[in-house]
Amino acid sequence: MSEQRPRPTTTTDSGIPAASDEFSLTVGPQGPTVLHDHYVVQKVQHFNRERVPERVVHAKGSGAHGFFEVTNDVTPFTRAAPFGAVGKRTPMFARFSTVAGEQGYADTVRDPRGFALKFYTEDGNYDLVGNNTPVFFVRDASKFQDFIHSQKRLPDTGMRSNDMQWDFWTLSPESAHQVTILMSDRGTPRTYRHMNGYGSHTFSWMNAAGEKFWIKYHFKTVQGPENFTDAEAAAMTAEDPDFHRRDLRRAIDAGDAPEWRLEIQVMPFEDAASYRFNPFDVTKVWPHGDYPPIEVGRMVLDRNPENYFAEVEQAGFSPANLVPGIGLSPDKMLMGRIFSYHDTHLHRIGPNYEQLPINAPHSEVHSYNKDGAMTYRHAGNQPVYAPNSYGGPEADPQRAAEVGWSVEGAEIGRYANAHHAEDDDFGQAGTLYREVMSDTDRDHLAANIVGHASDEVSQSIQERVVAYWAAVDPELGARVASGLGISNGRERVPEHAAAVLAEHANRA
């Protein structure tokens, strides 16, 4: 893909000039994304309909049934049904997946892993749709489609391109934290059973008294985290492309039910406004020293699907499925996902996908949505409109207990990020490299980066790769530069990084 000048103006599919390629229209820097941002909505809608019938992302997955059991009282923080009392068990279904590859792709390729959970509660289904990483590549839903396109295939050759990936990442500094994790051995987990899972986003909880809190979910593997090296993962792609799927199924069949311990971080609602960085930025983690993890319960997967297509392929998860006591946050990626997931299931599975057994709630359904393709549940003589005088269902705002936040006085606009003292894109990635990783981890990270960025990546992009990693850590940047043959010394690498960052700041 050669860059051409002058570059044309981005437009909608109707030829109308677009205001931004990167930033959604929101009410203030931390307010909700507005529905009338038609360009972002159209990008999401078109993206959701690109492929039939497999998922656009997370196409290849594996799943299992199980339960969630509460082991610690968290009712001071939430009234949500699945966390209601110590000892309570809620049936659930989990789906794990790769992100970028298609149905036939090998399980062990370097890729984030999806970690999607469906809790069948008495208040309806609660879906928690996360990954095996606590952060993500971009913070604004406007860029999500572009990010996934950069991980997929070129339009002319039909092949994946490392050059395309690094082009996007180095022009999106907010990706640095996630890419650091991806390029480490955590990017090639040994099995689904040996990886952690995260809600990634910040969510809100509300207790029975109406008190609100910000929270983050961490599912810690009880089996212990284990990863493949790059060489081991590559070897397994040839030996058994379905290795993760086979491992999960065999373990459950053998009675070795995998288990995860759920921990949460809790931030008082008022802390968010004055916290040192934007706590709703999905490219950041909350330091455990500030908000220590609290144990909630355990997830156990003890039953394999009887029909892969009916249960794993037809499973539909949506972050919009929030039961009373759980809500959203001013996370722009999360708010974009609220629309996107349900919309793509309507396209991929059909308008009545929630009537399929794997998706059907275990609680009663009383809805004014009717008919459509493949309708199984019918309302009989129930009124089909609201309001009505004939005994139809009525909404109950008290029972629903929606969680909200104030955005008074905010102006609708396109904002790069909320402004907090420590909102840099590279700081946490650098801390991860210097203070969390072992010497072996650092060696593998540098080698993995060099190997990936050496595979048909142009020199101009490689120079940006060096700058990108120098901004994470100068020593890491020098190692990458040496491996790629871009620079003979450390001194000029940070300077190059500063120029790239300045260029990006001007673009934004």
Protein backbone atom coordinates (compact mmCIF):
# COMPACT_ATOMS: atom_id res chain seq x y z
CA MET A 1 0.00 0.00 0.00
CA SER A 2 1.78 3.14 -1.19
CA GLU A 3 0.91 6.53 0.30
CA GLN A 4 -0.39 9.03 -2.26
CA ARG A 5 -0.52 12.84 -2.20
CA PRO A 6 -2.62 14.88 -2.02
CA ARG A 7 -4.79 12.81 0.28
CA PRO A 8 -8.55 12.99 -0.37
CA THR A 9 -11.04 14.07 2.28
CA THR A 10 -12.79 11.26 4.15
CA THR A 11 -16.49 11.17 3.31
CA THR A 12 -19.58 9.20 4.19
CA ASP A 13 -20.79 6.63 1.66
CA SER A 14 -22.99 9.44 0.34
CA GLY A 15 -19.92 11.54 -0.45
CA ILE A 16 -20.42 13.98 2.44
CA PRO A 17 -17.15 15.18 4.06
CA ALA A 18 -16.53 13.63 7.48
CA ALA A 19 -15.59 15.79 10.45
CA SER A 20 -13.20 13.30 12.08
CA ASP A 21 -11.64 9.91 11.47
CA GLU A 22 -10.85 9.36 15.14
CA PHE A 23 -13.18 11.13 17.56
CA SER A 24 -16.85 10.49 18.26
CA LEU A 25 -19.30 13.30 18.95
CA THR A 26 -19.80 13.40 22.71
CA VAL A 27 -21.40 15.59 25.34
CA GLY A 28 -18.21 17.06 26.80
CA PRO A 29 -14.91 15.17 27.06
CA GLN A 30 -16.45 12.46 29.28
CA GLY A 31 -20.09 12.60 28.26
CA PRO A 32 -22.06 10.02 26.31
CA THR A 33 -21.68 9.50 22.59
CA VAL A 34 -24.67 11.03 20.81
CA LEU A 35 -26.80 8.93 18.49
CA HIS A 36 -26.96 11.67 15.87
CA ASP A 37 -23.24 11.21 15.13
CA HIS A 38 -24.39 9.57 11.91
CA TYR A 39 -20.90 9.06 10.51
CA VAL A 40 -19.76 6.89 13.44
CA VAL A 41 -23.10 5.07 13.49
CA GLN A 42 -22.83 4.35 9.75
CA LYS A 43 -19.24 3.13 10.15
CA VAL A 44 -20.37 0.72 12.85
CA GLN A 45 -23.41 -0.44 10.89
CA HIS A 46 -21.47 -1.08 7.69
CA PHE A 47 -18.68 -2.81 9.60
CA ASN A 48 -21.18 -5.12 11.31
CA ARG A 49 -22.49 -6.25 7.93
CA GLU A 50 -19.17 -6.87 6.16
CA ARG A 51 -19.13 -10.64 6.44
CA VAL A 52 -21.74 -13.37 6.26
CA PRO A 53 -22.21 -15.53 8.18
CA GLU A 54 -19.19 -15.67 10.53
CA ARG A 55 -18.49 -13.00 13.10
CA VAL A 56 -16.57 -9.99 11.77
CA VAL A 57 -14.24 -10.33 14.76
CA HIS A 58 -13.83 -13.22 17.22
CA ALA A 59 -14.87 -15.58 14.41
CA LYS A 60 -13.16 -18.69 15.78
CA GLY A 61 -14.13 -19.57 19.30
CA SER A 62 -14.80 -22.25 21.88
CA GLY A 63 -17.34 -22.31 24.66
CA ALA A 64 -18.55 -24.11 27.77
CA HIS A 65 -21.35 -24.00 30.31
CA GLY A 66 -20.88 -23.57 34.03
CA PHE A 67 -21.81 -21.44 36.99
CA PHE A 68 -20.74 -18.40 38.95
CA GLU A 69 -20.69 -18.68 42.75
CA VAL A 70 -20.45 -15.72 45.12
CA THR A 71 -17.74 -16.19 47.77
CA ASN A 72 -17.62 -12.71 49.29
CA ASP A 73 -20.35 -10.22 50.22
CA VAL A 74 -20.33 -7.33 47.73
CA THR A 75 -23.91 -6.15 48.35
CA PRO A 76 -22.50 -2.89 49.83
CA PHE A 77 -21.48 -2.09 46.24
CA THR A 78 -24.23 -3.57 44.05
CA ARG A 79 -27.77 -4.92 44.08
CA ALA A 80 -27.09 -6.95 40.88
CA ALA A 81 -28.67 -10.40 40.94
CA PRO A 82 -25.58 -12.56 40.17
CA PHE A 83 -23.71 -11.03 43.13
CA GLY A 84 -26.63 -11.10 45.57
CA ALA A 85 -25.50 -13.32 48.45
CA VAL A 86 -22.56 -15.46 49.51
CA GLY A 87 -23.07 -18.98 48.20
CA LYS A 88 -25.46 -17.97 45.43
CA ARG A 89 -24.90 -19.75 42.12
CA THR A 90 -25.91 -18.36 38.72
CA PRO A 91 -25.80 -20.55 35.59
CA MET A 92 -23.67 -19.14 32.81
CA PHE A 93 -22.05 -19.73 29.42
CA ALA A 94 -18.56 -18.61 28.38
CA ARG A 95 -17.07 -18.19 24.91
CA PHE A 96 -13.34 -17.74 24.31
CA SER A 97 -11.98 -16.72 20.93
CA THR A 98 -9.19 -15.29 18.83
CA VAL A 99 -9.84 -11.79 17.46
CA ALA A 100 -8.46 -11.27 13.96
CA GLY A 101 -8.45 -14.72 12.37
CA GLU A 102 -11.25 -16.40 10.48
CA GLN A 103 -13.07 -19.64 11.32
CA GLY A 104 -10.24 -21.92 10.19
CA TYR A 105 -7.41 -19.92 11.73
CA ALA A 106 -4.98 -21.60 14.12
CA ASP A 107 -5.78 -21.15 17.82
CA THR A 108 -2.25 -20.31 18.92
CA VAL A 109 -1.43 -17.33 16.68
CA ARG A 110 -0.37 -14.09 18.36
CA ASP A 111 -3.64 -12.31 19.03
CA PRO A 112 -5.74 -11.03 21.93
CA ARG A 113 -8.34 -13.53 23.14
CA GLY A 114 -12.00 -12.79 23.60
CA PHE A 115 -13.48 -13.59 27.03
CA ALA A 116 -17.28 -13.34 26.75
CA LEU A 117 -19.59 -14.35 29.61
CA LYS A 118 -23.36 -14.72 29.82
CA PHE A 119 -24.99 -14.90 33.26
CA TYR A 120 -28.57 -16.26 33.22
CA THR A 121 -29.97 -14.27 36.17
CA GLU A 122 -33.50 -13.92 37.55
CA ASP A 123 -33.45 -10.31 36.29
CA GLY A 124 -32.53 -11.31 32.72
CA ASN A 125 -29.23 -12.02 31.00
CA TYR A 126 -26.12 -10.16 32.05
CA ASP A 127 -23.39 -10.21 29.37
CA LEU A 128 -19.80 -9.26 30.19
CA VAL A 129 -17.86 -9.06 26.93
CA GLY A 130 -14.15 -8.67 27.58
CA ASN A 131 -10.70 -9.92 26.58
CA ASN A 132 -7.74 -11.63 28.18
CA THR A 133 -6.10 -8.20 28.54
CA PRO A 134 -7.10 -5.37 30.91
CA VAL A 135 -6.72 -2.69 28.21
CA PHE A 136 -7.51 -2.18 24.52
CA PHE A 137 -5.83 -0.71 21.41
CA VAL A 138 -8.01 2.40 20.96
CA ARG A 139 -10.17 4.51 23.26
CA ASP A 140 -12.76 5.84 20.81
CA ALA A 141 -15.31 3.66 19.00
CA SER A 142 -14.81 5.73 15.86
CA LYS A 143 -11.42 4.02 15.39
CA PHE A 144 -12.50 0.46 16.21
CA GLN A 145 -13.48 -0.46 12.66
CA ASP A 146 -10.22 0.94 11.32
CA PHE A 147 -8.22 -0.98 13.90
CA ILE A 148 -9.87 -4.28 12.98
CA HIS A 149 -9.42 -3.58 9.25
CA SER A 150 -5.69 -3.10 9.92
CA GLN A 151 -5.56 -6.57 11.51
CA LYS A 152 -7.53 -8.32 8.75
CA ARG A 153 -6.59 -8.65 5.05
CA LEU A 154 -5.49 -6.31 2.28
CA PRO A 155 -8.17 -5.62 -0.34
CA ASP A 156 -5.91 -6.31 -3.33
CA THR A 157 -4.03 -9.44 -2.27
CA GLY A 158 -6.39 -10.93 0.32
CA MET A 159 -3.42 -11.40 2.66
CA ARG A 160 -2.68 -10.11 6.13
CA SER A 161 -0.02 -7.44 6.41
CA ASN A 162 2.34 -6.68 9.30
CA ASP A 163 3.11 -3.38 7.56
CA MET A 164 -0.56 -2.43 7.77
CA GLN A 165 -0.70 -3.34 11.46
CA TRP A 166 2.36 -1.33 12.42
CA ASP A 167 1.21 1.59 10.28
CA PHE A 168 -1.99 1.80 12.31
CA TRP A 169 -0.38 1.15 15.70
CA THR A 170 2.41 3.73 15.26
CA LEU A 171 -0.12 6.34 14.15
CA SER A 172 -2.24 5.51 17.22
CA PRO A 173 -0.01 6.02 20.28
CA GLU A 174 -2.87 5.06 22.60
CA SER A 175 -2.32 1.46 21.40
CA ALA A 176 1.10 1.18 23.09
CA HIS A 177 -0.07 -0.46 26.33
CA GLN A 178 -2.08 -3.16 24.57
CA VAL A 179 0.58 -3.78 21.91
CA THR A 180 3.19 -4.23 24.65
CA ILE A 181 1.03 -7.00 26.12
CA LEU A 182 0.30 -8.47 22.70
CA MET A 183 3.97 -8.62 21.69
CA SER A 184 4.95 -10.25 24.98
CA ASP A 185 4.38 -13.94 25.64
CA ARG A 186 0.94 -13.00 26.96
CA GLY A 187 0.00 -12.61 23.30
CA THR A 188 0.29 -16.39 22.92
CA PRO A 189 -1.48 -17.99 25.92
CA ARG A 190 -0.83 -21.71 26.34
CA THR A 191 -4.53 -22.56 26.70
CA TYR A 192 -7.82 -20.81 27.36
CA ARG A 193 -7.72 -22.37 30.83
CA HIS A 194 -4.40 -20.71 31.64
CA MET A 195 -5.24 -17.11 30.82
CA ASN A 196 -6.92 -14.36 32.83
CA GLY A 197 -10.00 -12.51 31.64
CA TYR A 198 -10.99 -8.88 32.09
CA GLY A 199 -14.02 -6.68 31.61
CA SER A 200 -11.36 -4.15 30.44
CA HIS A 201 -13.79 -1.22 30.58
CA THR A 202 -14.86 0.70 33.65
CA PHE A 203 -18.44 -0.12 34.67
CA SER A 204 -20.72 1.31 37.34
CA TRP A 205 -22.38 -0.53 40.20
CA MET A 206 -25.24 0.69 42.40
CA ASN A 207 -26.34 -0.82 45.68
CA ALA A 208 -29.85 -1.15 47.13
CA ALA A 209 -29.52 2.25 48.81
CA GLY A 210 -28.74 3.99 45.50
CA GLU A 211 -25.03 4.54 46.20
CA LYS A 212 -22.88 4.36 43.06
CA PHE A 213 -19.34 3.09 42.44
CA TRP A 214 -16.98 2.67 39.49
CA ILE A 215 -15.60 -0.87 39.10
CA LYS A 216 -13.29 -3.04 36.98
CA TYR A 217 -13.54 -6.83 36.58
CA HIS A 218 -10.58 -9.24 36.80
CA PHE A 219 -11.07 -12.99 36.28
CA LYS A 220 -7.88 -14.69 37.53
CA THR A 221 -7.20 -18.22 36.31
CA VAL A 222 -6.97 -20.64 39.24
CA GLN A 223 -4.94 -22.98 37.02
CA GLY A 224 -2.25 -20.29 36.93
CA PRO A 225 -1.25 -18.17 33.91
CA GLU A 226 0.87 -20.00 31.32
CA ASN A 227 2.02 -18.82 27.90
CA PHE A 228 3.73 -20.22 24.83
CA THR A 229 6.91 -18.66 23.56
CA ASP A 230 6.70 -17.36 20.01
CA ALA A 231 8.44 -20.49 18.70
CA GLU A 232 6.18 -22.84 20.68
CA ALA A 233 3.05 -21.07 19.47
CA ALA A 234 4.23 -21.18 15.86
CA ALA A 235 5.00 -24.89 16.12
CA MET A 236 1.55 -25.62 17.54
CA THR A 237 -0.19 -23.85 14.63
CA ALA A 238 1.12 -26.67 12.43
CA GLU A 239 0.77 -29.49 14.95
CA ASP A 240 -2.82 -28.75 16.02
CA PRO A 241 -4.63 -25.64 14.70
CA ASP A 242 -7.50 -26.43 17.11
CA PHE A 243 -5.28 -26.84 20.16
CA HIS A 244 -7.14 -24.46 22.47
CA ARG A 245 -10.54 -25.82 21.49
CA ARG A 246 -9.38 -29.41 22.00
CA ASP A 247 -7.70 -28.63 25.33
CA LEU A 248 -10.79 -26.99 26.83
CA ARG A 249 -13.11 -29.77 25.75
CA ARG A 250 -10.79 -32.56 26.92
CA ALA A 251 -10.26 -30.97 30.33
CA ILE A 252 -14.00 -30.68 30.99
CA ASP A 253 -14.68 -34.18 29.67
CA ALA A 254 -12.03 -35.49 32.06
CA GLY A 255 -13.69 -33.79 35.03
CA ASP A 256 -10.93 -31.19 35.32
CA ALA A 257 -13.29 -28.21 35.33
CA PRO A 258 -11.36 -24.95 34.80
CA GLU A 259 -11.97 -22.21 37.32
CA TRP A 260 -11.43 -18.46 37.54
CA ARG A 261 -11.54 -16.22 40.62
CA LEU A 262 -13.38 -12.94 40.08
CA GLU A 263 -11.85 -9.87 41.68
CA ILE A 264 -13.04 -6.29 41.30
CA GLN A 265 -11.47 -2.91 41.81
CA VAL A 266 -13.82 -0.36 43.34
CA MET A 267 -13.43 3.40 42.91
CA PRO A 268 -15.70 5.75 44.88
CA PHE A 269 -17.95 7.56 42.42
CA GLU A 270 -16.58 11.00 43.34
CA ASP A 271 -12.92 10.01 42.87
CA ALA A 272 -13.17 9.87 39.08
CA ALA A 273 -13.33 13.64 38.54
CA SER A 274 -10.01 14.32 40.27
CA TYR A 275 -8.10 11.10 39.55
CA ARG A 276 -4.65 11.64 38.06
CA PHE A 277 -5.59 10.10 34.68
CA ASN A 278 -8.90 9.49 32.97
CA PRO A 279 -10.25 6.40 34.79
CA PHE A 280 -12.61 5.67 31.88
CA ASP A 281 -9.81 5.37 29.31
CA VAL A 282 -9.74 1.71 28.26
CA THR A 283 -6.06 2.00 27.30
CA LYS A 284 -5.22 2.43 31.01
CA VAL A 285 -5.33 0.22 34.11
CA TRP A 286 -6.02 1.36 37.67
CA PRO A 287 -2.94 0.72 39.84
CA HIS A 288 -3.74 -1.89 42.49
CA GLY A 289 -2.04 0.32 45.06
CA ASP A 290 -4.77 2.91 44.53
CA TYR A 291 -7.70 0.48 44.32
CA PRO A 292 -6.82 -2.98 45.70
CA PRO A 293 -8.66 -5.98 44.22
CA ILE A 294 -11.59 -7.39 46.20
CA GLU A 295 -12.60 -11.03 45.80
CA VAL A 296 -16.19 -11.57 44.61
CA GLY A 297 -16.58 -15.19 43.59
CA ARG A 298 -15.57 -18.00 41.30
CA MET A 299 -16.49 -19.05 37.76
CA VAL A 300 -16.42 -22.77 37.01
CA LEU A 301 -16.91 -24.31 33.56
CA ASP A 302 -18.05 -27.92 33.93
CA ARG A 303 -20.17 -28.83 30.89
CA ASN A 304 -19.25 -28.94 27.21
CA PRO A 305 -21.66 -27.89 24.45
CA GLU A 306 -23.66 -30.71 22.87
CA ASN A 307 -23.94 -28.90 19.54
CA TYR A 308 -21.12 -26.54 18.57
CA PHE A 309 -23.11 -24.50 16.07
CA ALA A 310 -26.25 -24.15 18.19
CA GLU A 311 -24.40 -23.14 21.33
CA VAL A 312 -21.02 -21.62 20.43
CA GLU A 313 -21.67 -20.16 16.98
CA GLN A 314 -25.19 -18.91 17.68
CA ALA A 315 -24.27 -17.44 21.06
CA GLY A 316 -24.70 -13.68 21.01
CA PHE A 317 -23.20 -11.43 23.69
CA SER A 318 -24.01 -7.75 24.08
CA PRO A 319 -22.56 -5.24 26.56
CA ALA A 320 -26.00 -3.59 26.48
CA ASN A 321 -27.35 -6.52 28.52
CA LEU A 322 -26.96 -4.95 31.96
CA VAL A 323 -29.11 -6.16 34.85
CA PRO A 324 -30.32 -3.79 37.61
CA GLY A 325 -27.41 -2.71 39.78
CA ILE A 326 -24.87 -2.61 36.92
CA GLY A 327 -24.38 0.27 34.48
CA LEU A 328 -22.02 1.94 32.04
CA SER A 329 -19.34 4.60 32.39
CA PRO A 330 -18.15 7.51 30.22
CA ASP A 331 -15.88 5.08 28.34
CA LYS A 332 -16.23 5.95 24.64
CA MET A 333 -15.28 2.46 23.46
CA LEU A 334 -17.82 0.89 25.80
CA MET A 335 -20.59 3.22 24.65
CA GLY A 336 -19.83 2.38 21.02
CA ARG A 337 -19.99 -1.33 21.82
CA ILE A 338 -23.45 -0.90 23.37
CA PHE A 339 -24.83 -0.24 19.89
CA SER A 340 -22.50 -2.42 17.87
CA TYR A 341 -22.89 -5.87 19.40
CA HIS A 342 -26.67 -6.17 19.36
CA ASP A 343 -26.74 -4.69 15.86
CA THR A 344 -24.28 -7.22 14.48
CA HIS A 345 -26.22 -10.12 16.03
CA LEU A 346 -29.41 -8.88 14.35
CA HIS A 347 -27.55 -9.12 11.06
CA ARG A 348 -25.55 -12.28 11.70
CA ILE A 349 -28.10 -14.47 13.49
CA GLY A 350 -31.41 -12.69 12.93
CA PRO A 351 -33.85 -10.29 14.60
CA ASN A 352 -34.97 -12.96 17.08
CA TYR A 353 -31.57 -14.32 18.06
CA GLU A 354 -32.43 -13.84 21.73
CA GLN A 355 -35.12 -16.52 21.42
CA LEU A 356 -32.52 -19.18 20.60
CA PRO A 357 -31.95 -21.51 23.59
CA ILE A 358 -28.33 -20.43 24.13
CA ASN A 359 -29.34 -16.76 24.27
CA ALA A 360 -32.80 -17.02 25.84
CA PRO A 361 -32.98 -15.68 29.39
CA HIS A 362 -34.02 -18.01 32.19
CA SER A 363 -36.39 -15.31 33.44
CA GLU A 364 -39.74 -14.36 31.91
CA VAL A 365 -39.81 -12.06 28.87
CA HIS A 366 -42.53 -9.43 28.40
CA SER A 367 -41.66 -7.35 25.34
CA TYR A 368 -43.49 -5.27 22.73
CA ASN A 369 -41.04 -6.43 20.04
CA LYS A 370 -42.94 -8.80 17.76
CA ASP A 371 -42.73 -10.97 14.65
CA GLY A 372 -39.76 -10.90 12.27
CA ALA A 373 -37.85 -13.81 10.75
CA MET A 374 -37.69 -17.00 12.80
CA THR A 375 -40.00 -15.81 15.58
CA TYR A 376 -40.54 -18.63 18.04
CA ARG A 377 -42.13 -16.88 21.01
CA HIS A 378 -45.55 -15.28 20.37
CA ALA A 379 -47.46 -12.87 22.59
CA GLY A 380 -50.92 -14.33 21.99
CA ASN A 381 -53.58 -11.82 22.96
CA GLN A 382 -51.14 -9.48 24.70
CA PRO A 383 -51.39 -5.86 23.50
CA VAL A 384 -48.67 -5.07 20.95
CA TYR A 385 -48.33 -1.38 21.79
CA ALA A 386 -47.65 0.83 24.79
CA PRO A 387 -49.24 2.59 26.54
CA ASN A 388 -52.39 0.44 26.51
CA SER A 389 -55.50 -0.18 28.60
CA TYR A 390 -55.52 -3.98 28.34
CA GLY A 391 -52.99 -5.30 30.83
CA GLY A 392 -49.82 -5.12 28.78
CA PRO A 393 -46.46 -4.93 30.60
CA GLU A 394 -45.35 -1.63 32.12
CA ALA A 395 -41.81 -0.33 32.57
CA ASP A 396 -40.61 0.04 36.16
CA PRO A 397 -37.82 2.60 36.57
CA GLN A 398 -37.37 1.67 40.23
CA ARG A 399 -36.76 -1.99 39.46
CA ALA A 400 -34.63 -1.19 36.42
CA ALA A 401 -32.46 1.14 38.54
CA GLU A 402 -30.42 2.58 35.69
CA VAL A 403 -27.03 3.97 36.68
CA GLY A 404 -26.14 7.39 35.26
CA TRP A 405 -23.72 10.28 35.72
CA SER A 406 -23.88 14.04 35.36
CA VAL A 407 -22.75 15.91 32.22
CA GLU A 408 -24.28 19.30 32.98
CA GLY A 409 -22.81 22.27 31.16
CA ALA A 410 -20.90 20.15 28.66
CA GLU A 411 -20.70 21.05 24.99
CA ILE A 412 -21.25 18.56 22.19
CA GLY A 413 -18.00 18.20 20.25
CA ARG A 414 -15.23 15.81 19.20
CA TYR A 415 -12.69 15.38 21.98
CA ALA A 416 -9.38 13.54 21.83
CA ASN A 417 -9.56 12.69 25.54
CA ALA A 418 -10.55 14.12 28.87
CA HIS A 419 -7.77 16.18 30.43
CA HIS A 420 -6.08 14.67 33.47
CA ALA A 421 -2.55 15.18 34.77
CA GLU A 422 -1.20 11.78 33.68
CA ASP A 423 -3.06 11.11 30.43
CA ASP A 424 0.02 10.12 28.41
CA ASP A 425 -0.19 7.10 26.11
CA PHE A 426 3.17 5.49 26.84
CA GLY A 427 3.61 5.74 30.63
CA GLN A 428 1.81 2.57 31.69
CA ALA A 429 3.36 0.56 28.87
CA GLY A 430 6.79 1.71 30.08
CA THR A 431 5.97 0.77 33.66
CA LEU A 432 4.85 -2.66 32.49
CA TYR A 433 8.14 -3.15 30.65
CA ARG A 434 10.44 -1.84 33.41
CA GLU A 435 8.72 -2.87 36.64
CA VAL A 436 6.45 -5.85 35.90
CA MET A 437 8.23 -7.92 33.25
CA SER A 438 11.13 -10.21 34.10
CA ASP A 439 14.41 -10.13 32.16
CA THR A 440 13.17 -13.10 30.14
CA ASP A 441 9.88 -11.32 29.43
CA ARG A 442 11.76 -8.25 28.20
CA ASP A 443 14.03 -10.34 26.01
CA HIS A 444 11.06 -12.16 24.45
CA LEU A 445 9.15 -8.88 23.95
CA ALA A 446 12.03 -7.27 22.04
CA ALA A 447 12.59 -10.41 19.96
CA ASN A 448 8.88 -10.74 19.16
CA ILE A 449 8.65 -7.11 18.08
CA VAL A 450 11.70 -7.38 15.85
CA GLY A 451 10.48 -10.62 14.31
CA HIS A 452 7.01 -9.25 13.61
CA ALA A 453 8.22 -5.88 12.31
CA SER A 454 10.79 -7.59 10.05
CA ASP A 455 8.13 -9.47 8.10
CA GLU A 456 7.47 -7.41 4.96
CA VAL A 457 7.32 -4.10 6.84
CA SER A 458 8.62 -1.08 4.91
CA GLN A 459 11.59 0.87 6.23
CA SER A 460 9.56 4.04 6.78
CA ILE A 461 7.12 2.09 8.98
CA GLN A 462 10.02 0.35 10.75
CA GLU A 463 11.42 3.77 11.65
CA ARG A 464 8.08 4.62 13.22
CA VAL A 465 8.14 1.26 15.02
CA VAL A 466 11.48 2.22 16.58
CA ALA A 467 10.11 5.62 17.62
CA TYR A 468 6.99 4.01 19.07
CA TRP A 469 8.96 1.64 21.30
CA ALA A 470 11.51 4.29 22.25
CA ALA A 471 8.60 6.32 23.60
CA VAL A 472 7.60 3.30 25.71
CA ASP A 473 11.18 2.91 26.97
CA PRO A 474 14.43 4.24 25.42
CA GLU A 475 16.30 1.01 26.12
CA LEU A 476 13.56 -1.05 24.45
CA GLY A 477 13.57 1.35 21.50
CA ALA A 478 17.32 0.89 21.12
CA ARG A 479 16.96 -2.90 21.18
CA VAL A 480 14.27 -2.78 18.52
CA ALA A 481 16.34 -0.34 16.45
CA SER A 482 19.36 -2.64 16.64
CA GLY A 483 17.28 -5.67 15.69
CA LEU A 484 15.77 -3.89 12.69
CA GLY A 485 19.05 -2.24 11.68
CA ILE A 486 17.42 1.20 11.83
CA SER A 487 19.69 3.00 14.31
CA ASN A 488 23.23 2.42 15.59
CA GLY A 489 22.76 4.21 18.90
CA ARG A 490 20.24 5.13 21.54
CA GLU A 491 20.70 8.86 21.31
CA ARG A 492 18.66 9.62 18.20
CA VAL A 493 15.79 7.22 18.92
CA PRO A 494 13.93 9.24 21.58
CA GLU A 495 14.33 12.36 19.43
CA HIS A 496 12.72 10.52 16.51
CA ALA A 497 9.95 9.37 18.85
CA ALA A 498 9.27 12.92 19.94
CA ALA A 499 8.88 13.99 16.32
CA VAL A 500 6.36 11.23 15.64
CA LEU A 501 4.39 12.09 18.75
CA ALA A 502 4.38 15.77 17.87
CA GLU A 503 3.08 14.90 14.39
CA HIS A 504 0.29 12.86 15.92
CA ALA A 505 -0.62 15.64 18.33
CA ASN A 506 -0.96 18.02 15.40
CA ARG A 507 -3.22 15.55 13.58
CA ALA A 508 -5.46 15.13 16.62
